[in-house]
Amino acid sequence: MVSSQYILQTENLSRLFGGQVAVNAVSLGVRAGEFKSIIGPNGAGKTTLFNLISGMLPPSSGRIIFEGQDITRRPAYYRSRLGIGRSFQMTTIFPNLTVLENVRLAVQSREPHAFNFWQPASRFGGDEETAFAILDMVMLGGRELQTAQTLSHGDKRKLEIGILLATNPRLLLLDEPTAGMSRDDVPGIIEVVQRIKRAGGRTVMLVEHKMDMVMSVSDSVMVMHYGELIADGSPQEIAQNETVQSAYLGGYTERAG
């Protein structure tokens, strides 16, 4: 049943690949302004769930409701226009443009007649101010004129998050933002995610394996295992859940305590 208390709902959402069930009848609700993380072992179905929500994959069955609208069969670009933004485990930036140009174009893309190239450059002054503010948010202030391809891997991930923020999504899907990152780069990404959390006003779903990060930023945590949702609760409830302990967390509570 559709509920007005949720910005996003899924109802018995499933995805099969041949005879293999990747997501199995997942029903969830995310409240506006909530920071919800999704954890689980590799192959649990977390990224597939993001692919279903963002429109990269069609579901085999079930429904997806965003802001009261059934978007189950809507394409990815339509969902993006509605306000669903999604990052990927691989960076997606314009390598030959500057850091500022990457973000400014993303800001511009959400405006009417965004790509009318005959408009005077002064028309986009507000876009540039917004881009500067976003770059400060993702810790790339002062590097606006640097070519994106010259950034480190960690800074490219920050830029990708900045591009995503520039599209002003109401629901932000972050898929393992620290994936493939060196130990030195990880704290910077964690700080960016924490800044997004502190800024508020945005609904975020995060897939991440780093439990310290998950437990520090999340309002709620859901756990997937073999494509199924096996738990959904506060970070404290999840850390103390015996089923979750045996399926995934291992000794996290002992380490954290």
Protein backbone atom coordinates (compact mmCIF):
# COMPACT_ATOMS: atom_id res chain seq x y z
CA MET A 1 0.00 0.00 0.00
CA VAL A 2 1.34 3.43 -0.97
CA SER A 3 2.08 5.62 2.07
CA SER A 4 2.55 9.39 2.04
CA GLN A 5 5.18 9.12 4.80
CA TYR A 6 7.71 7.70 2.33
CA ILE A 7 9.52 9.44 -0.52
CA LEU A 8 10.44 6.01 -1.91
CA GLN A 9 8.74 2.65 -1.59
CA THR A 10 9.28 -0.73 -3.19
CA GLU A 11 6.64 -3.46 -3.04
CA ASN A 12 7.74 -7.09 -3.47
CA LEU A 13 10.46 -5.95 -5.85
CA SER A 14 12.29 -8.82 -7.56
CA ARG A 15 14.86 -9.30 -10.30
CA LEU A 16 15.83 -12.61 -11.85
CA PHE A 17 18.74 -13.33 -14.17
CA GLY A 18 17.75 -16.59 -15.81
CA GLY A 19 17.10 -18.93 -12.91
CA GLN A 20 19.11 -16.86 -10.42
CA VAL A 21 17.25 -14.51 -8.06
CA ALA A 22 19.30 -11.35 -7.49
CA VAL A 23 16.61 -9.39 -5.61
CA ASN A 24 13.81 -11.35 -3.97
CA ALA A 25 10.51 -9.64 -3.05
CA VAL A 26 12.09 -6.62 -1.33
CA SER A 27 9.61 -4.21 0.24
CA LEU A 28 11.10 -1.08 1.79
CA GLY A 29 10.23 2.50 2.64
CA VAL A 30 12.51 5.53 2.85
CA ARG A 31 11.28 8.71 4.53
CA ALA A 32 12.03 12.15 3.14
CA GLY A 33 15.27 13.45 4.64
CA GLU A 34 16.34 10.02 5.88
CA PHE A 35 19.87 8.66 5.52
CA LYS A 36 19.46 4.93 4.94
CA SER A 37 22.38 2.57 4.34
CA ILE A 38 22.22 -0.86 2.76
CA ILE A 39 24.73 -3.48 3.84
CA GLY A 40 25.31 -7.13 3.07
CA PRO A 41 27.96 -9.48 1.70
CA ASN A 42 29.11 -9.41 -1.92
CA GLY A 43 26.38 -10.77 -4.16
CA ALA A 44 23.60 -9.86 -1.72
CA GLY A 45 21.75 -7.82 -4.37
CA LYS A 46 22.56 -4.29 -3.15
CA THR A 47 23.76 -2.83 -6.45
CA THR A 48 21.02 -4.66 -8.34
CA LEU A 49 18.49 -2.99 -6.04
CA PHE A 50 20.02 0.40 -6.88
CA ASN A 51 19.85 -0.49 -10.58
CA LEU A 52 16.14 -1.22 -10.20
CA ILE A 53 15.41 1.99 -8.28
CA SER A 54 17.37 4.18 -10.71
CA GLY A 55 15.92 2.52 -13.82
CA MET A 56 19.09 0.90 -15.09
CA LEU A 57 17.32 -2.48 -14.93
CA PRO A 58 13.62 -3.37 -15.20
CA PRO A 59 12.20 -5.50 -12.37
CA SER A 60 10.95 -9.01 -12.98
CA SER A 61 8.05 -8.24 -10.64
CA GLY A 62 6.97 -5.76 -8.00
CA ARG A 63 6.55 -1.98 -7.92
CA ILE A 64 8.61 1.16 -7.28
CA ILE A 65 6.85 4.27 -5.96
CA PHE A 66 8.60 7.66 -5.83
CA GLU A 67 6.79 10.59 -4.24
CA GLY A 68 3.48 8.79 -4.70
CA GLN A 69 4.06 8.05 -8.39
CA ASP A 70 4.46 4.54 -9.78
CA ILE A 71 7.74 4.68 -11.72
CA THR A 72 8.22 0.92 -12.15
CA ARG A 73 8.24 1.11 -15.95
CA ARG A 74 9.68 4.58 -16.33
CA PRO A 75 13.14 4.92 -17.98
CA ALA A 76 16.25 6.08 -16.15
CA TYR A 77 16.27 9.58 -17.68
CA TYR A 78 12.69 10.14 -16.52
CA ARG A 79 13.58 9.14 -12.96
CA SER A 80 16.58 11.44 -13.04
CA ARG A 81 14.34 14.33 -14.05
CA LEU A 82 11.99 13.46 -11.18
CA GLY A 83 14.88 13.83 -8.74
CA ILE A 84 16.58 10.43 -8.38
CA GLY A 85 20.36 10.77 -8.66
CA ARG A 86 22.72 7.83 -8.62
CA SER A 87 26.50 7.36 -8.44
CA PHE A 88 28.31 4.26 -9.66
CA GLN A 89 31.23 2.21 -8.37
CA MET A 90 33.22 3.38 -11.42
CA THR A 91 33.80 7.12 -11.77
CA THR A 92 31.81 8.91 -14.47
CA ILE A 93 33.19 12.39 -15.22
CA PHE A 94 34.19 14.47 -18.25
CA PRO A 95 37.98 13.97 -18.10
CA ASN A 96 38.97 16.71 -20.55
CA LEU A 97 36.94 19.46 -18.90
CA THR A 98 37.97 21.38 -15.81
CA VAL A 99 36.64 20.50 -12.40
CA LEU A 100 34.46 23.62 -12.47
CA GLU A 101 33.10 22.90 -15.95
CA ASN A 102 32.08 19.38 -14.91
CA VAL A 103 29.94 20.69 -12.07
CA ARG A 104 28.67 23.81 -13.85
CA LEU A 105 27.33 21.75 -16.75
CA ALA A 106 25.48 19.53 -14.29
CA VAL A 107 23.91 22.61 -12.65
CA GLN A 108 23.00 23.98 -16.06
CA SER A 109 21.41 20.68 -17.14
CA ARG A 110 18.53 21.20 -14.70
CA GLU A 111 17.53 24.58 -16.13
CA PRO A 112 14.98 25.27 -18.88
CA HIS A 113 16.67 25.57 -22.27
CA ALA A 114 19.87 24.41 -20.60
CA PHE A 115 21.79 23.86 -23.80
CA ASN A 116 20.84 26.95 -25.78
CA PHE A 117 24.39 27.78 -26.81
CA TRP A 118 23.45 31.22 -28.12
CA GLN A 119 22.77 32.62 -24.67
CA PRO A 120 25.38 35.11 -23.34
CA ALA A 121 27.92 33.71 -20.88
CA SER A 122 26.68 36.18 -18.24
CA ARG A 123 23.39 34.25 -18.21
CA PHE A 124 25.14 31.42 -16.37
CA GLY A 125 26.75 33.45 -13.58
CA GLY A 126 24.41 31.96 -10.99
CA ASP A 127 25.27 28.46 -12.19
CA GLU A 128 28.94 29.16 -11.61
CA GLU A 129 28.30 30.41 -8.07
CA THR A 130 26.34 27.25 -7.34
CA ALA A 131 29.15 25.15 -8.80
CA PHE A 132 31.75 26.86 -6.58
CA ALA A 133 29.61 26.16 -3.49
CA ILE A 134 29.23 22.50 -4.43
CA LEU A 135 32.97 22.13 -4.99
CA ASP A 136 33.58 23.52 -1.51
CA MET A 137 31.09 20.94 -0.16
CA VAL A 138 33.01 18.06 -1.77
CA MET A 139 36.42 19.41 -0.70
CA LEU A 140 37.58 20.48 -4.17
CA GLY A 141 37.57 24.21 -3.52
CA GLY A 142 40.63 25.90 -5.02
CA ARG A 143 41.00 23.26 -7.73
CA GLU A 144 38.26 24.56 -10.01
CA LEU A 145 40.53 25.15 -13.02
CA GLN A 146 42.33 21.80 -12.82
CA THR A 147 41.55 19.36 -15.63
CA ALA A 148 39.45 16.53 -14.26
CA GLN A 149 41.65 13.77 -15.70
CA THR A 150 44.60 14.98 -13.62
CA LEU A 151 42.80 14.39 -10.30
CA SER A 152 43.64 11.45 -8.07
CA HIS A 153 41.17 8.57 -7.94
CA GLY A 154 39.81 9.80 -4.62
CA ASP A 155 39.32 13.34 -5.91
CA LYS A 156 37.59 12.02 -9.03
CA ARG A 157 35.08 10.30 -6.76
CA LYS A 158 34.56 13.59 -4.93
CA LEU A 159 33.98 15.29 -8.28
CA GLU A 160 31.47 12.65 -9.30
CA ILE A 161 29.54 13.24 -6.08
CA GLY A 162 29.70 16.98 -6.78
CA ILE A 163 28.28 16.46 -10.27
CA LEU A 164 25.48 14.41 -8.76
CA LEU A 165 24.71 17.09 -6.13
CA ALA A 166 24.66 19.70 -8.90
CA THR A 167 21.62 18.02 -10.47
CA ASN A 168 19.82 18.75 -7.17
CA PRO A 169 18.38 15.25 -6.60
CA ARG A 170 15.75 14.73 -3.93
CA LEU A 171 16.87 11.11 -3.56
CA LEU A 172 20.62 10.46 -3.73
CA LEU A 173 21.83 6.88 -4.33
CA LEU A 174 25.52 6.42 -3.44
CA ASP A 175 26.88 3.05 -4.54
CA GLU A 176 30.07 2.19 -2.63
CA PRO A 177 31.72 5.62 -2.89
CA THR A 178 34.96 4.26 -1.36
CA ALA A 179 35.23 1.28 -3.77
CA GLY A 180 38.72 0.72 -5.19
CA MET A 181 40.15 3.56 -3.17
CA SER A 182 43.50 3.74 -1.44
CA ARG A 183 43.57 3.90 2.35
CA ASP A 184 44.77 7.51 2.17
CA ASP A 185 41.80 8.58 0.04
CA VAL A 186 39.07 6.97 2.15
CA PRO A 187 38.89 9.61 4.95
CA GLY A 188 38.22 12.35 2.40
CA ILE A 189 35.23 10.50 0.94
CA ILE A 190 33.90 9.74 4.41
CA GLU A 191 34.14 13.46 5.23
CA VAL A 192 32.22 14.35 2.04
CA VAL A 193 29.44 11.90 2.92
CA GLN A 194 29.32 13.27 6.46
CA ARG A 195 29.07 16.82 5.10
CA ILE A 196 26.09 15.78 2.97
CA LYS A 197 24.53 14.26 6.07
CA ARG A 198 25.15 17.39 8.18
CA ALA A 199 23.80 19.72 5.49
CA GLY A 200 20.45 17.93 5.67
CA GLY A 201 17.52 18.51 3.35
CA ARG A 202 18.31 15.51 1.18
CA THR A 203 17.26 11.87 1.22
CA VAL A 204 20.24 9.52 0.84
CA MET A 205 20.60 5.79 0.31
CA LEU A 206 24.14 4.45 0.71
CA VAL A 207 25.63 1.09 -0.22
CA GLU A 208 28.93 0.69 1.58
CA HIS A 209 31.11 -2.03 3.15
CA LYS A 210 32.96 0.21 5.61
CA MET A 211 30.93 -0.36 8.76
CA ASP A 212 32.39 2.53 10.79
CA MET A 213 31.19 4.90 8.07
CA VAL A 214 27.75 3.26 7.84
CA MET A 215 27.16 3.32 11.56
CA SER A 216 28.29 6.94 11.95
CA VAL A 217 26.11 8.53 9.23
CA SER A 218 22.98 6.36 9.02
CA ASP A 219 19.56 7.05 10.48
CA SER A 220 18.61 3.49 9.57
CA VAL A 221 20.30 0.45 8.07
CA MET A 222 18.81 -2.36 6.02
CA VAL A 223 20.58 -5.67 5.51
CA MET A 224 20.37 -7.83 2.40
CA HIS A 225 21.41 -11.46 2.14
CA TYR A 226 20.99 -13.66 -0.95
CA GLY A 227 18.72 -11.03 -2.49
CA GLU A 228 16.39 -10.79 0.50
CA LEU A 229 15.85 -8.04 3.05
CA ILE A 230 16.61 -9.71 6.39
CA ALA A 231 16.65 -6.69 8.72
CA ASP A 232 15.84 -2.97 8.77
CA GLY A 233 16.34 -0.75 11.80
CA SER A 234 18.50 1.79 13.58
CA PRO A 235 22.27 1.30 13.52
CA GLN A 236 22.13 0.13 17.13
CA GLU A 237 19.37 -2.39 16.39
CA ILE A 238 21.26 -3.76 13.41
CA ALA A 239 24.53 -4.06 15.35
CA GLN A 240 22.76 -6.11 18.02
CA ASN A 241 20.69 -8.27 15.65
CA GLU A 242 21.85 -11.88 15.96
CA THR A 243 20.67 -12.83 12.48
CA VAL A 244 22.67 -9.96 11.00
CA GLN A 245 25.68 -10.88 13.12
CA SER A 246 25.76 -14.41 11.76
CA ALA A 247 25.04 -13.36 8.17
CA TYR A 248 27.35 -10.39 7.80
CA LEU A 249 28.64 -8.22 10.64
CA GLY A 250 30.76 -10.81 12.41
CA GLY A 251 32.55 -9.15 15.29
CA TYR A 252 31.59 -5.55 14.52
CA THR A 253 29.90 -4.93 17.90
CA GLU A 254 32.94 -6.28 19.74
CA ARG A 255 35.27 -4.07 17.68
CA ALA A 256 33.01 -1.04 18.07
CA GLY A 257 32.53 -1.61 21.79
